Amino acid sequence: MKRLLGEFQSAGLTAVEVECYAPLAPLSPGGFRARFIAADGAE
């Protein structure tokens, strides 16, 4: 997750809220949800 957030940061975005979800069943994907603020302050 740190690497993904670093990519967003290098694009000029700042994470305000980040949530990660564990998989609900074996071999199913987990989840990632984030809210960012752009360098100009727009959400």
N, C-alpha and C. Protein backbone atom coordinates (compact mmCIF):
# COMPACT_ATOMS: atom_id res chain seq x y z
N MET A 1 0.82 -1.18 0.00
CA MET A 1 0.00 0.00 0.00
C MET A 1 0.87 1.26 0.00
N LYS A 2 2.00 1.23 0.70
CA LYS A 2 2.87 2.40 0.73
C LYS A 2 3.32 2.81 -0.67
N ARG A 3 3.61 1.81 -1.48
CA ARG A 3 4.07 2.11 -2.85
C ARG A 3 2.96 2.77 -3.67
N LEU A 4 1.74 2.28 -3.53
CA LEU A 4 0.60 2.86 -4.25
C LEU A 4 0.36 4.30 -3.80
N LEU A 5 0.38 4.54 -2.49
CA LEU A 5 0.19 5.90 -1.98
C LEU A 5 1.32 6.81 -2.45
N GLY A 6 2.53 6.28 -2.55
CA GLY A 6 3.65 7.06 -3.06
C GLY A 6 3.44 7.49 -4.50
N GLU A 7 2.83 6.63 -5.30
CA GLU A 7 2.54 6.98 -6.69
C GLU A 7 1.54 8.13 -6.77
N PHE A 8 0.52 8.08 -5.94
CA PHE A 8 -0.46 9.18 -5.91
C PHE A 8 0.20 10.47 -5.43
N GLN A 9 1.06 10.36 -4.42
CA GLN A 9 1.74 11.54 -3.90
C GLN A 9 2.65 12.17 -4.95
N SER A 10 3.34 11.33 -5.72
CA SER A 10 4.22 11.87 -6.76
C SER A 10 3.42 12.53 -7.89
N ALA A 11 2.13 12.21 -7.97
CA ALA A 11 1.25 12.84 -8.96
C ALA A 11 0.63 14.13 -8.41
N GLY A 12 1.02 14.52 -7.18
CA GLY A 12 0.53 15.77 -6.61
C GLY A 12 -0.71 15.63 -5.76
N LEU A 13 -1.00 14.41 -5.31
CA LEU A 13 -2.20 14.17 -4.49
C LEU A 13 -1.79 13.83 -3.06
N THR A 14 -2.61 14.23 -2.10
CA THR A 14 -2.38 13.91 -0.70
C THR A 14 -3.55 13.09 -0.20
N ALA A 15 -3.27 11.94 0.40
CA ALA A 15 -4.32 11.08 0.93
C ALA A 15 -4.90 11.69 2.20
N VAL A 16 -6.21 11.80 2.26
CA VAL A 16 -6.89 12.33 3.42
C VAL A 16 -7.54 11.20 4.22
N GLU A 17 -7.93 10.15 3.53
CA GLU A 17 -8.60 9.02 4.15
C GLU A 17 -8.22 7.76 3.36
N VAL A 18 -7.79 6.72 4.06
CA VAL A 18 -7.39 5.48 3.40
C VAL A 18 -7.98 4.31 4.18
N GLU A 19 -8.59 3.37 3.47
CA GLU A 19 -9.12 2.17 4.09
C GLU A 19 -8.69 0.96 3.26
N CYS A 20 -8.28 -0.08 3.93
CA CYS A 20 -7.95 -1.35 3.27
C CYS A 20 -8.86 -2.42 3.83
N TYR A 21 -9.34 -3.28 2.97
CA TYR A 21 -10.25 -4.35 3.37
C TYR A 21 -9.61 -5.70 3.14
N ALA A 22 -9.76 -6.58 4.11
CA ALA A 22 -9.26 -7.95 3.96
C ALA A 22 -10.21 -8.71 3.04
N PRO A 23 -9.72 -9.73 2.37
CA PRO A 23 -10.60 -10.57 1.53
C PRO A 23 -11.72 -11.18 2.37
N LEU A 24 -12.88 -11.28 1.78
CA LEU A 24 -14.03 -11.87 2.48
C LEU A 24 -14.01 -13.39 2.43
N ALA A 25 -13.35 -13.94 1.44
CA ALA A 25 -13.26 -15.39 1.28
C ALA A 25 -11.86 -15.74 0.79
N PRO A 26 -11.41 -16.96 1.04
CA PRO A 26 -10.09 -17.36 0.55
C PRO A 26 -9.98 -17.18 -0.97
N LEU A 27 -8.84 -16.71 -1.40
CA LEU A 27 -8.51 -16.48 -2.82
C LEU A 27 -9.33 -15.37 -3.48
N SER A 28 -10.08 -14.61 -2.71
CA SER A 28 -10.79 -13.46 -3.29
C SER A 28 -9.97 -12.20 -2.99
N PRO A 29 -10.12 -11.17 -3.80
CA PRO A 29 -9.33 -9.95 -3.58
C PRO A 29 -9.82 -9.16 -2.38
N GLY A 30 -8.94 -8.44 -1.78
CA GLY A 30 -9.31 -7.50 -0.74
C GLY A 30 -9.74 -6.20 -1.40
N GLY A 31 -9.77 -5.14 -0.64
CA GLY A 31 -10.19 -3.87 -1.21
C GLY A 31 -9.34 -2.71 -0.73
N PHE A 32 -9.38 -1.64 -1.46
CA PHE A 32 -8.65 -0.42 -1.14
C PHE A 32 -9.53 0.76 -1.50
N ARG A 33 -9.69 1.69 -0.59
CA ARG A 33 -10.50 2.88 -0.84
C ARG A 33 -9.74 4.06 -0.26
N ALA A 34 -9.66 5.14 -1.02
CA ALA A 34 -8.94 6.32 -0.54
C ALA A 34 -9.59 7.59 -1.06
N ARG A 35 -9.42 8.64 -0.30
CA ARG A 35 -9.88 9.97 -0.71
C ARG A 35 -8.65 10.86 -0.72
N PHE A 36 -8.50 11.62 -1.79
CA PHE A 36 -7.30 12.45 -1.97
C PHE A 36 -7.68 13.91 -2.16
N ILE A 37 -6.71 14.77 -1.87
CA ILE A 37 -6.82 16.20 -2.17
C ILE A 37 -5.73 16.52 -3.17
N ALA A 38 -6.08 17.21 -4.23
CA ALA A 38 -5.11 17.62 -5.25
C ALA A 38 -4.29 18.81 -4.74
N ALA A 39 -3.18 19.06 -5.40
CA ALA A 39 -2.30 20.15 -5.01
C ALA A 39 -3.02 21.50 -4.98
N ASP A 40 -4.03 21.66 -5.83
CA ASP A 40 -4.76 22.93 -5.85
C ASP A 40 -5.88 22.98 -4.82
N GLY A 41 -6.02 21.91 -4.00
CA GLY A 41 -7.02 21.88 -2.95
C GLY A 41 -8.35 21.28 -3.36
N ALA A 42 -8.53 20.92 -4.63
CA ALA A 42 -9.77 20.30 -5.09
C ALA A 42 -9.82 18.86 -4.64
N GLU A 43 -11.02 18.36 -4.32
CA GLU A 43 -11.17 16.96 -3.92
C GLU A 43 -11.68 16.14 -5.07
